[in-house]
Amino acid sequence: MISADIKPEVSLGDQFTVLVLKGKGDSIISRMKDGRVILFNRENPIFSELEPGMIVDCRVSFIAQNYIIVDPVAPPEEGDEAVKLGLQMVSETEN
């Protein structure tokens, strides 16, 4: 996912903002700084609004060794903030 708001260790109920990315096929994901995949809860009513390039506030609902599942807690946004978060992701992966 790579957001400045996310700590390396996450706990159930933590909230942060993530950038929605295109996954394999038609899926959408995000990524944490440590490489873990962030999956979005498909049963959440906001899930259908998510598209790659958007940012969304989420709450951690499940934690596994290689991934976490989050529930969107607010409608997604697109625009300047999403672009800034995407650029931040690229700059952090290059360092």
PDB file of N, CA and C in Angstrom:
ATOM      1  N   MET A   1       0.830  -1.169   0.000  1.00  0.00           N
ATOM      2  CA  MET A   1       0.000   0.000   0.000  1.00  0.00           C
ATOM      3  C   MET A   1       0.865   1.218   0.000  1.00  0.00           C
ATOM      4  N   ILE A   2       1.674   1.305   0.936  1.00  0.00           N
ATOM      5  CA  ILE A   2       2.640   2.367   1.082  1.00  0.00           C
ATOM      6  C   ILE A   2       1.988   3.717   1.298  1.00  0.00           C
ATOM      7  N   SER A   3       1.683   3.963   2.516  1.00  0.00           N
ATOM      8  CA  SER A   3       1.149   5.245   2.953  1.00  0.00           C
ATOM      9  C   SER A   3       1.965   5.684   4.142  1.00  0.00           C
ATOM     10  N   ALA A   4       2.228   6.975   4.242  1.00  0.00           N
ATOM     11  CA  ALA A   4       2.989   7.494   5.371  1.00  0.00           C
ATOM     12  C   ALA A   4       2.257   7.253   6.678  1.00  0.00           C
ATOM     13  N   ASP A   5       0.945   7.031   6.603  1.00  0.00           N
ATOM     14  CA  ASP A   5       0.134   6.865   7.804  1.00  0.00           C
ATOM     15  C   ASP A   5       0.253   5.482   8.421  1.00  0.00           C
ATOM     16  N   ILE A   6       0.838   4.515   7.737  1.00  0.00           N
ATOM     17  CA  ILE A   6       0.815   3.135   8.214  1.00  0.00           C
ATOM     18  C   ILE A   6       2.099   2.794   8.951  1.00  0.00           C
ATOM     19  N   LYS A   7       1.940   2.222  10.131  1.00  0.00           N
ATOM     20  CA  LYS A   7       3.072   1.754  10.921  1.00  0.00           C
ATOM     21  C   LYS A   7       3.429   0.355  10.427  1.00  0.00           C
ATOM     22  N   PRO A   8       4.702  -0.072  10.609  1.00  0.00           N
ATOM     23  CA  PRO A   8       5.072  -1.424  10.186  1.00  0.00           C
ATOM     24  C   PRO A   8       4.213  -2.488  10.862  1.00  0.00           C
ATOM     25  N   GLU A   9       3.917  -2.309  12.122  1.00  0.00           N
ATOM     26  CA  GLU A   9       3.049  -3.235  12.836  1.00  0.00           C
ATOM     27  C   GLU A   9       1.637  -2.671  12.838  1.00  0.00           C
ATOM     28  N   VAL A  10       0.702  -3.466  12.443  1.00  0.00           N
ATOM     29  CA  VAL A  10      -0.689  -3.019  12.445  1.00  0.00           C
ATOM     30  C   VAL A  10      -1.476  -3.881  13.418  1.00  0.00           C
ATOM     31  N   SER A  11      -2.535  -3.313  13.939  1.00  0.00           N
ATOM     32  CA  SER A  11      -3.404  -4.012  14.873  1.00  0.00           C
ATOM     33  C   SER A  11      -4.826  -3.955  14.359  1.00  0.00           C
ATOM     34  N   LEU A  12      -5.642  -4.905  14.789  1.00  0.00           N
ATOM     35  CA  LEU A  12      -7.061  -4.870  14.429  1.00  0.00           C
ATOM     36  C   LEU A  12      -7.654  -3.542  14.869  1.00  0.00           C
ATOM     37  N   GLY A  13      -8.427  -2.933  13.979  1.00  0.00           N
ATOM     38  CA  GLY A  13      -9.072  -1.667  14.289  1.00  0.00           C
ATOM     39  C   GLY A  13      -8.273  -0.441  13.898  1.00  0.00           C
ATOM     40  N   ASP A  14      -6.979  -0.604  13.562  1.00  0.00           N
ATOM     41  CA  ASP A  14      -6.188   0.550  13.107  1.00  0.00           C
ATOM     42  C   ASP A  14      -6.828   1.143  11.862  1.00  0.00           C
ATOM     43  N   GLN A  15      -6.769   2.460  11.736  1.00  0.00           N
ATOM     44  CA  GLN A  15      -7.308   3.133  10.552  1.00  0.00           C
ATOM     45  C   GLN A  15      -6.195   3.884   9.854  1.00  0.00           C
ATOM     46  N   PHE A  16      -6.230   3.876   8.512  1.00  0.00           N
ATOM     47  CA  PHE A  16      -5.276   4.613   7.707  1.00  0.00           C
ATOM     48  C   PHE A  16      -5.818   4.783   6.293  1.00  0.00           C
ATOM     49  N   THR A  17      -5.124   5.585   5.514  1.00  0.00           N
ATOM     50  CA  THR A  17      -5.519   5.870   4.133  1.00  0.00           C
ATOM     51  C   THR A  17      -4.629   5.079   3.190  1.00  0.00           C
ATOM     52  N   VAL A  18      -5.246   4.426   2.190  1.00  0.00           N
ATOM     53  CA  VAL A  18      -4.477   3.632   1.231  1.00  0.00           C
ATOM     54  C   VAL A  18      -4.829   4.039  -0.194  1.00  0.00           C
ATOM     55  N   LEU A  19      -3.912   3.741  -1.084  1.00  0.00           N
ATOM     56  CA  LEU A  19      -4.113   3.948  -2.513  1.00  0.00           C
ATOM     57  C   LEU A  19      -4.582   2.630  -3.110  1.00  0.00           C
ATOM     58  N   VAL A  20      -5.685   2.650  -3.840  1.00  0.00           N
ATOM     59  CA  VAL A  20      -6.223   1.447  -4.481  1.00  0.00           C
ATOM     60  C   VAL A  20      -5.402   1.171  -5.742  1.00  0.00           C
ATOM     61  N   LEU A  21      -4.924  -0.065  -5.865  1.00  0.00           N
ATOM     62  CA  LEU A  21      -4.106  -0.482  -7.008  1.00  0.00           C
ATOM     63  C   LEU A  21      -4.790  -1.616  -7.754  1.00  0.00           C
ATOM     64  N   LYS A  22      -4.404  -1.795  -9.010  1.00  0.00           N
ATOM     65  CA  LYS A  22      -4.921  -2.915  -9.793  1.00  0.00           C
ATOM     66  C   LYS A  22      -4.153  -4.162  -9.395  1.00  0.00           C
ATOM     67  N   GLY A  23      -4.887  -5.216  -9.087  1.00  0.00           N
ATOM     68  CA  GLY A  23      -4.264  -6.495  -8.761  1.00  0.00           C
ATOM     69  C   GLY A  23      -4.292  -7.399  -9.978  1.00  0.00           C
ATOM     70  N   LYS A  24      -4.231  -8.692  -9.760  1.00  0.00           N
ATOM     71  CA  LYS A  24      -4.304  -9.658 -10.864  1.00  0.00           C
ATOM     72  C   LYS A  24      -5.731  -9.710 -11.400  1.00  0.00           C
ATOM     73  N   GLY A  25      -5.855  -9.835 -12.709  1.00  0.00           N
ATOM     74  CA  GLY A  25      -7.184  -9.895 -13.326  1.00  0.00           C
ATOM     75  C   GLY A  25      -7.957  -8.611 -13.061  1.00  0.00           C
ATOM     76  N   ASP A  26      -9.161  -8.764 -12.561  1.00  0.00           N
ATOM     77  CA  ASP A  26     -10.002  -7.599 -12.276  1.00  0.00           C
ATOM     78  C   ASP A  26      -9.954  -7.194 -10.813  1.00  0.00           C
ATOM     79  N   SER A  27      -9.063  -7.787 -10.033  1.00  0.00           N
ATOM     80  CA  SER A  27      -9.049  -7.502  -8.607  1.00  0.00           C
ATOM     81  C   SER A  27      -8.402  -6.154  -8.295  1.00  0.00           C
ATOM     82  N   ILE A  28      -8.696  -5.654  -7.100  1.00  0.00           N
ATOM     83  CA  ILE A  28      -8.060  -4.443  -6.602  1.00  0.00           C
ATOM     84  C   ILE A  28      -7.391  -4.777  -5.281  1.00  0.00           C
ATOM     85  N   ILE A  29      -6.243  -4.162  -5.044  1.00  0.00           N
ATOM     86  CA  ILE A  29      -5.462  -4.401  -3.837  1.00  0.00           C
ATOM     87  C   ILE A  29      -4.834  -3.085  -3.401  1.00  0.00           C
ATOM     88  N   SER A  30      -4.037  -3.163  -2.377  1.00  0.00           N
ATOM     89  CA  SER A  30      -3.115  -2.106  -2.016  1.00  0.00           C
ATOM     90  C   SER A  30      -1.902  -2.810  -1.428  1.00  0.00           C
ATOM     91  N   ARG A  31      -0.895  -2.081  -1.017  1.00  0.00           N
ATOM     92  CA  ARG A  31       0.316  -2.695  -0.465  1.00  0.00           C
ATOM     93  C   ARG A  31       0.789  -1.916   0.754  1.00  0.00           C
ATOM     94  N   MET A  32       1.357  -2.660   1.693  1.00  0.00           N
ATOM     95  CA  MET A  32       1.999  -2.049   2.846  1.00  0.00           C
ATOM     96  C   MET A  32       3.471  -1.852   2.530  1.00  0.00           C
ATOM     97  N   LYS A  33       4.134  -1.006   3.304  1.00  0.00           N
ATOM     98  CA  LYS A  33       5.554  -0.761   3.088  1.00  0.00           C
ATOM     99  C   LYS A  33       6.386  -2.026   3.198  1.00  0.00           C
ATOM    100  N   ASP A  34       5.963  -2.958   4.045  1.00  0.00           N
ATOM    101  CA  ASP A  34       6.732  -4.186   4.233  1.00  0.00           C
ATOM    102  C   ASP A  34       6.451  -5.229   3.144  1.00  0.00           C
ATOM    103  N   GLY A  35       5.628  -4.869   2.158  1.00  0.00           N
ATOM    104  CA  GLY A  35       5.356  -5.766   1.035  1.00  0.00           C
ATOM    105  C   GLY A  35       4.074  -6.565   1.157  1.00  0.00           C
ATOM    106  N   ARG A  36       3.480  -6.588   2.344  1.00  0.00           N
ATOM    107  CA  ARG A  36       2.229  -7.338   2.498  1.00  0.00           C
ATOM    108  C   ARG A  36       1.133  -6.720   1.629  1.00  0.00           C
ATOM    109  N   VAL A  37       0.291  -7.597   1.124  1.00  0.00           N
ATOM    110  CA  VAL A  37      -0.841  -7.166   0.306  1.00  0.00           C
ATOM    111  C   VAL A  37      -1.968  -6.715   1.226  1.00  0.00           C
ATOM    112  N   ILE A  38      -2.668  -5.691   0.812  1.00  0.00           N
ATOM    113  CA  ILE A  38      -3.877  -5.249   1.497  1.00  0.00           C
ATOM    114  C   ILE A  38      -5.044  -5.622   0.606  1.00  0.00           C
ATOM    115  N   LEU A  39      -5.950  -6.430   1.145  1.00  0.00           N
ATOM    116  CA  LEU A  39      -7.162  -6.816   0.434  1.00  0.00           C
ATOM    117  C   LEU A  39      -8.337  -6.049   1.020  1.00  0.00           C
ATOM    118  N   PHE A  40      -9.294  -5.734   0.183  1.00  0.00           N
ATOM    119  CA  PHE A  40     -10.488  -5.011   0.622  1.00  0.00           C
ATOM    120  C   PHE A  40     -11.622  -6.003   0.835  1.00  0.00           C
ATOM    121  N   ASN A  41     -12.353  -5.845   1.927  1.00  0.00           N
ATOM    122  CA  ASN A  41     -13.490  -6.705   2.233  1.00  0.00           C
ATOM    123  C   ASN A  41     -14.558  -6.521   1.157  1.00  0.00           C
ATOM    124  N   ARG A  42     -14.804  -7.574   0.376  1.00  0.00           N
ATOM    125  CA  ARG A  42     -15.776  -7.505  -0.724  1.00  0.00           C
ATOM    126  C   ARG A  42     -17.211  -7.362  -0.239  1.00  0.00           C
ATOM    127  N   GLU A  43     -17.474  -7.687   1.015  1.00  0.00           N
ATOM    128  CA  GLU A  43     -18.826  -7.580   1.556  1.00  0.00           C
ATOM    129  C   GLU A  43     -19.155  -6.168   2.045  1.00  0.00           C
ATOM    130  N   ASN A  44     -18.159  -5.308   2.081  1.00  0.00           N
ATOM    131  CA  ASN A  44     -18.376  -3.925   2.504  1.00  0.00           C
ATOM    132  C   ASN A  44     -19.141  -3.181   1.405  1.00  0.00           C
ATOM    133  N   PRO A  45     -20.166  -2.400   1.759  1.00  0.00           N
ATOM    134  CA  PRO A  45     -20.954  -1.690   0.735  1.00  0.00           C
ATOM    135  C   PRO A  45     -20.145  -0.702  -0.104  1.00  0.00           C
ATOM    136  N   ILE A  46     -19.029  -0.221   0.424  1.00  0.00           N
ATOM    137  CA  ILE A  46     -18.203   0.748  -0.312  1.00  0.00           C
ATOM    138  C   ILE A  46     -17.321   0.048  -1.346  1.00  0.00           C
ATOM    139  N   PHE A  47     -17.121  -1.271  -1.217  1.00  0.00           N
ATOM    140  CA  PHE A  47     -16.221  -2.010  -2.108  1.00  0.00           C
ATOM    141  C   PHE A  47     -16.524  -1.747  -3.586  1.00  0.00           C
ATOM    142  N   SER A  48     -17.789  -1.710  -3.943  1.00  0.00           N
ATOM    143  CA  SER A  48     -18.165  -1.547  -5.354  1.00  0.00           C
ATOM    144  C   SER A  48     -17.769  -0.180  -5.922  1.00  0.00           C
ATOM    145  N   GLU A  49     -17.465   0.779  -5.060  1.00  0.00           N
ATOM    146  CA  GLU A  49     -17.068   2.120  -5.502  1.00  0.00           C
ATOM    147  C   GLU A  49     -15.564   2.235  -5.755  1.00  0.00           C
ATOM    148  N   LEU A  50     -14.796   1.258  -5.306  1.00  0.00           N
ATOM    149  CA  LEU A  50     -13.337   1.341  -5.384  1.00  0.00           C
ATOM    150  C   LEU A  50     -12.826   1.043  -6.790  1.00  0.00           C
ATOM    151  N   GLU A  51     -11.879   1.873  -7.228  1.00  0.00           N
ATOM    152  CA  GLU A  51     -11.219   1.695  -8.523  1.00  0.00           C
ATOM    153  C   GLU A  51      -9.753   2.060  -8.371  1.00  0.00           C
ATOM    154  N   PRO A  52      -8.867   1.455  -9.187  1.00  0.00           N
ATOM    155  CA  PRO A  52      -7.449   1.814  -9.114  1.00  0.00           C
ATOM    156  C   PRO A  52      -7.249   3.325  -9.271  1.00  0.00           C
ATOM    157  N   GLY A  53      -6.337   3.853  -8.477  1.00  0.00           N
ATOM    158  CA  GLY A  53      -6.026   5.278  -8.523  1.00  0.00           C
ATOM    159  C   GLY A  53      -6.775   6.098  -7.489  1.00  0.00           C
ATOM    160  N   MET A  54      -7.712   5.501  -6.787  1.00  0.00           N
ATOM    161  CA  MET A  54      -8.458   6.214  -5.743  1.00  0.00           C
ATOM    162  C   MET A  54      -7.757   6.018  -4.401  1.00  0.00           C
ATOM    163  N   ILE A  55      -8.037   6.913  -3.457  1.00  0.00           N
ATOM    164  CA  ILE A  55      -7.591   6.713  -2.086  1.00  0.00           C
ATOM    165  C   ILE A  55      -8.824   6.512  -1.224  1.00  0.00           C
ATOM    166  N   VAL A  56      -8.645   5.714  -0.163  1.00  0.00           N
ATOM    167  CA  VAL A  56      -9.785   5.406   0.692  1.00  0.00           C
ATOM    168  C   VAL A  56      -9.300   5.216   2.128  1.00  0.00           C
ATOM    169  N   ASP A  57     -10.077   5.708   3.076  1.00  0.00           N
ATOM    170  CA  ASP A  57      -9.808   5.481   4.495  1.00  0.00           C
ATOM    171  C   ASP A  57     -10.315   4.098   4.850  1.00  0.00           C
ATOM    172  N   CYS A  58      -9.485   3.322   5.555  1.00  0.00           N
ATOM    173  CA  CYS A  58      -9.814   1.934   5.875  1.00  0.00           C
ATOM    174  C   CYS A  58      -9.538   1.614   7.330  1.00  0.00           C
ATOM    175  N   ARG A  59     -10.178   0.541   7.800  1.00  0.00           N
ATOM    176  CA  ARG A  59      -9.956   0.005   9.140  1.00  0.00           C
ATOM    177  C   ARG A  59      -9.556  -1.460   9.000  1.00  0.00           C
ATOM    178  N   VAL A  60      -8.502  -1.865   9.703  1.00  0.00           N
ATOM    179  CA  VAL A  60      -8.012  -3.243   9.645  1.00  0.00           C
ATOM    180  C   VAL A  60      -9.025  -4.174  10.308  1.00  0.00           C
ATOM    181  N   SER A  61      -9.446  -5.215   9.552  1.00  0.00           N
ATOM    182  CA  SER A  61     -10.420  -6.166  10.097  1.00  0.00           C
ATOM    183  C   SER A  61      -9.860  -7.584  10.229  1.00  0.00           C
ATOM    184  N   PHE A  62      -8.704  -7.871   9.589  1.00  0.00           N
ATOM    185  CA  PHE A  62      -8.099  -9.197   9.676  1.00  0.00           C
ATOM    186  C   PHE A  62      -6.610  -9.060   9.376  1.00  0.00           C
ATOM    187  N   ILE A  63      -5.785  -9.782  10.115  1.00  0.00           N
ATOM    188  CA  ILE A  63      -4.337  -9.745   9.906  1.00  0.00           C
ATOM    189  C   ILE A  63      -3.812 -11.164   9.747  1.00  0.00           C
ATOM    190  N   ALA A  64      -3.101 -11.412   8.645  1.00  0.00           N
ATOM    191  CA  ALA A  64      -2.422 -12.683   8.412  1.00  0.00           C
ATOM    192  C   ALA A  64      -0.936 -12.388   8.232  1.00  0.00           C
ATOM    193  N   GLN A  65      -0.129 -13.422   8.100  1.00  0.00           N
ATOM    194  CA  GLN A  65       1.313 -13.223   7.970  1.00  0.00           C
ATOM    195  C   GLN A  65       1.680 -12.453   6.701  1.00  0.00           C
ATOM    196  N   ASN A  66       1.005 -12.763   5.574  1.00  0.00           N
ATOM    197  CA  ASN A  66       1.378 -12.169   4.293  1.00  0.00           C
ATOM    198  C   ASN A  66       0.409 -11.127   3.763  1.00  0.00           C
ATOM    199  N   TYR A  67      -0.691 -10.902   4.465  1.00  0.00           N
ATOM    200  CA  TYR A  67      -1.672  -9.931   3.975  1.00  0.00           C
ATOM    201  C   TYR A  67      -2.541  -9.442   5.123  1.00  0.00           C
ATOM    202  N   ILE A  68      -3.256  -8.347   4.867  1.00  0.00           N
ATOM    203  CA  ILE A  68      -4.274  -7.890   5.804  1.00  0.00           C
ATOM    204  C   ILE A  68      -5.548  -7.618   5.007  1.00  0.00           C
ATOM    205  N   ILE A  69      -6.671  -7.655   5.690  1.00  0.00           N
ATOM    206  CA  ILE A  69      -7.948  -7.300   5.077  1.00  0.00           C
ATOM    207  C   ILE A  69      -8.444  -6.050   5.770  1.00  0.00           C
ATOM    208  N   VAL A  70      -8.906  -5.094   4.964  1.00  0.00           N
ATOM    209  CA  VAL A  70      -9.412  -3.837   5.501  1.00  0.00           C
ATOM    210  C   VAL A  70     -10.846  -3.597   5.045  1.00  0.00           C
ATOM    211  N   ASP A  71     -11.557  -2.830   5.840  1.00  0.00           N
ATOM    212  CA  ASP A  71     -12.899  -2.375   5.496  1.00  0.00           C
ATOM    213  C   ASP A  71     -12.844  -0.890   5.204  1.00  0.00           C
ATOM    214  N   PRO A  72     -13.261  -0.453   4.008  1.00  0.00           N
ATOM    215  CA  PRO A  72     -13.356   0.984   3.761  1.00  0.00           C
ATOM    216  C   PRO A  72     -14.353   1.598   4.748  1.00  0.00           C
ATOM    217  N   VAL A  73     -14.008   2.774   5.296  1.00  0.00           N
ATOM    218  CA  VAL A  73     -14.878   3.418   6.278  1.00  0.00           C
ATOM    219  C   VAL A  73     -15.478   4.721   5.758  1.00  0.00           C
ATOM    220  N   ALA A  74     -15.053   5.138   4.567  1.00  0.00           N
ATOM    221  CA  ALA A  74     -15.581   6.360   3.954  1.00  0.00           C
ATOM    222  C   ALA A  74     -15.516   6.190   2.443  1.00  0.00           C
ATOM    223  N   PRO A  75     -16.353   6.905   1.712  1.00  0.00           N
ATOM    224  CA  PRO A  75     -16.294   6.806   0.247  1.00  0.00           C
ATOM    225  C   PRO A  75     -14.895   7.158  -0.271  1.00  0.00           C
ATOM    226  N   PRO A  76     -14.461   6.499  -1.346  1.00  0.00           N
ATOM    227  CA  PRO A  76     -13.131   6.777  -1.896  1.00  0.00           C
ATOM    228  C   PRO A  76     -13.059   8.160  -2.529  1.00  0.00           C
ATOM    229  N   GLU A  77     -11.832   8.650  -2.654  1.00  0.00           N
ATOM    230  CA  GLU A  77     -11.597   9.949  -3.279  1.00  0.00           C
ATOM    231  C   GLU A  77     -10.597   9.773  -4.406  1.00  0.00           C
ATOM    232  N   GLU A  78     -10.706  10.643  -5.390  1.00  0.00           N
ATOM    233  CA  GLU A  78      -9.697  10.677  -6.437  1.00  0.00           C
ATOM    234  C   GLU A  78      -9.261  12.119  -6.602  1.00  0.00           C
ATOM    235  N   GLY A  79      -8.214  12.350  -7.354  1.00  0.00           N
ATOM    236  CA  GLY A  79      -7.751  13.715  -7.547  1.00  0.00           C
ATOM    237  C   GLY A  79      -6.341  13.904  -7.013  1.00  0.00           C
ATOM    238  N   ASP A  80      -6.042  15.137  -6.579  1.00  0.00           N
ATOM    239  CA  ASP A  80      -4.686  15.515  -6.185  1.00  0.00           C
ATOM    240  C   ASP A  80      -4.102  14.629  -5.091  1.00  0.00           C
ATOM    241  N   GLU A  81      -4.883  14.324  -4.064  1.00  0.00           N
ATOM    242  CA  GLU A  81      -4.359  13.524  -2.960  1.00  0.00           C
ATOM    243  C   GLU A  81      -3.985  12.118  -3.425  1.00  0.00           C
ATOM    244  N   ALA A  82      -4.765  11.538  -4.311  1.00  0.00           N
ATOM    245  CA  ALA A  82      -4.451  10.210  -4.835  1.00  0.00           C
ATOM    246  C   ALA A  82      -3.156  10.253  -5.643  1.00  0.00           C
ATOM    247  N   VAL A  83      -2.978  11.298  -6.435  1.00  0.00           N
ATOM    248  CA  VAL A  83      -1.748  11.450  -7.221  1.00  0.00           C
ATOM    249  C   VAL A  83      -0.547  11.606  -6.294  1.00  0.00           C
ATOM    250  N   LYS A  84      -0.680  12.415  -5.246  1.00  0.00           N
ATOM    251  CA  LYS A  84       0.424  12.612  -4.293  1.00  0.00           C
ATOM    252  C   LYS A  84       0.798  11.303  -3.608  1.00  0.00           C
ATOM    253  N   LEU A  85      -0.205  10.519  -3.207  1.00  0.00           N
ATOM    254  CA  LEU A  85       0.066   9.249  -2.548  1.00  0.00           C
ATOM    255  C   LEU A  85       0.753   8.282  -3.511  1.00  0.00           C
ATOM    256  N   GLY A  86       0.331   8.266  -4.770  1.00  0.00           N
ATOM    257  CA  GLY A  86       0.970   7.420  -5.775  1.00  0.00           C
ATOM    258  C   GLY A  86       2.422   7.804  -6.000  1.00  0.00           C
ATOM    259  N   LEU A  87       2.706   9.094  -6.060  1.00  0.00           N
ATOM    260  CA  LEU A  87       4.084   9.564  -6.224  1.00  0.00           C
ATOM    261  C   LEU A  87       4.924   9.220  -5.002  1.00  0.00           C
ATOM    262  N   GLN A  88       4.328   9.324  -3.837  1.00  0.00           N
ATOM    263  CA  GLN A  88       5.031   8.965  -2.603  1.00  0.00           C
ATOM    264  C   GLN A  88       5.388   7.484  -2.621  1.00  0.00           C
ATOM    265  N   MET A  89       4.489   6.637  -3.097  1.00  0.00           N
ATOM    266  CA  MET A  89       4.743   5.196  -3.195  1.00  0.00           C
ATOM    267  C   MET A  89       5.966   4.932  -4.081  1.00  0.00           C
ATOM    268  N   VAL A  90       5.992   5.596  -5.230  1.00  0.00           N
ATOM    269  CA  VAL A  90       7.091   5.385  -6.180  1.00  0.00           C
ATOM    270  C   VAL A  90       8.408   5.835  -5.567  1.00  0.00           C
ATOM    271  N   SER A  91       8.422   6.999  -4.933  1.00  0.00           N
ATOM    272  CA  SER A  91       9.674   7.504  -4.367  1.00  0.00           C
ATOM    273  C   SER A  91      10.162   6.616  -3.215  1.00  0.00           C
ATOM    274  N   GLU A  92       9.253   6.044  -2.434  1.00  0.00           N
ATOM    275  CA  GLU A  92       9.657   5.180  -1.328  1.00  0.00           C
ATOM    276  C   GLU A  92      10.188   3.844  -1.828  1.00  0.00           C
ATOM    277  N   THR A  93       9.695   3.335  -2.933  1.00  0.00           N
ATOM    278  CA  THR A  93      10.181   2.057  -3.445  1.00  0.00           C
ATOM    279  C   THR A  93      11.527   2.211  -4.137  1.00  0.00           C
ATOM    280  N   GLU A  94      11.863   3.405  -4.563  1.00  0.00           N
ATOM    281  CA  GLU A  94      13.145   3.641  -5.225  1.00  0.00           C
ATOM    282  C   GLU A  94      14.264   3.825  -4.214  1.00  0.00           C
ATOM    283  N   ASN A  95      13.947   4.124  -2.964  1.00  0.00           N
ATOM    284  CA  ASN A  95      14.979   4.364  -1.939  1.00  0.00           C
ATOM    285  C   ASN A  95      15.380   3.093  -1.260  1.00  0.00           C
TER     286      ASN A  95
END
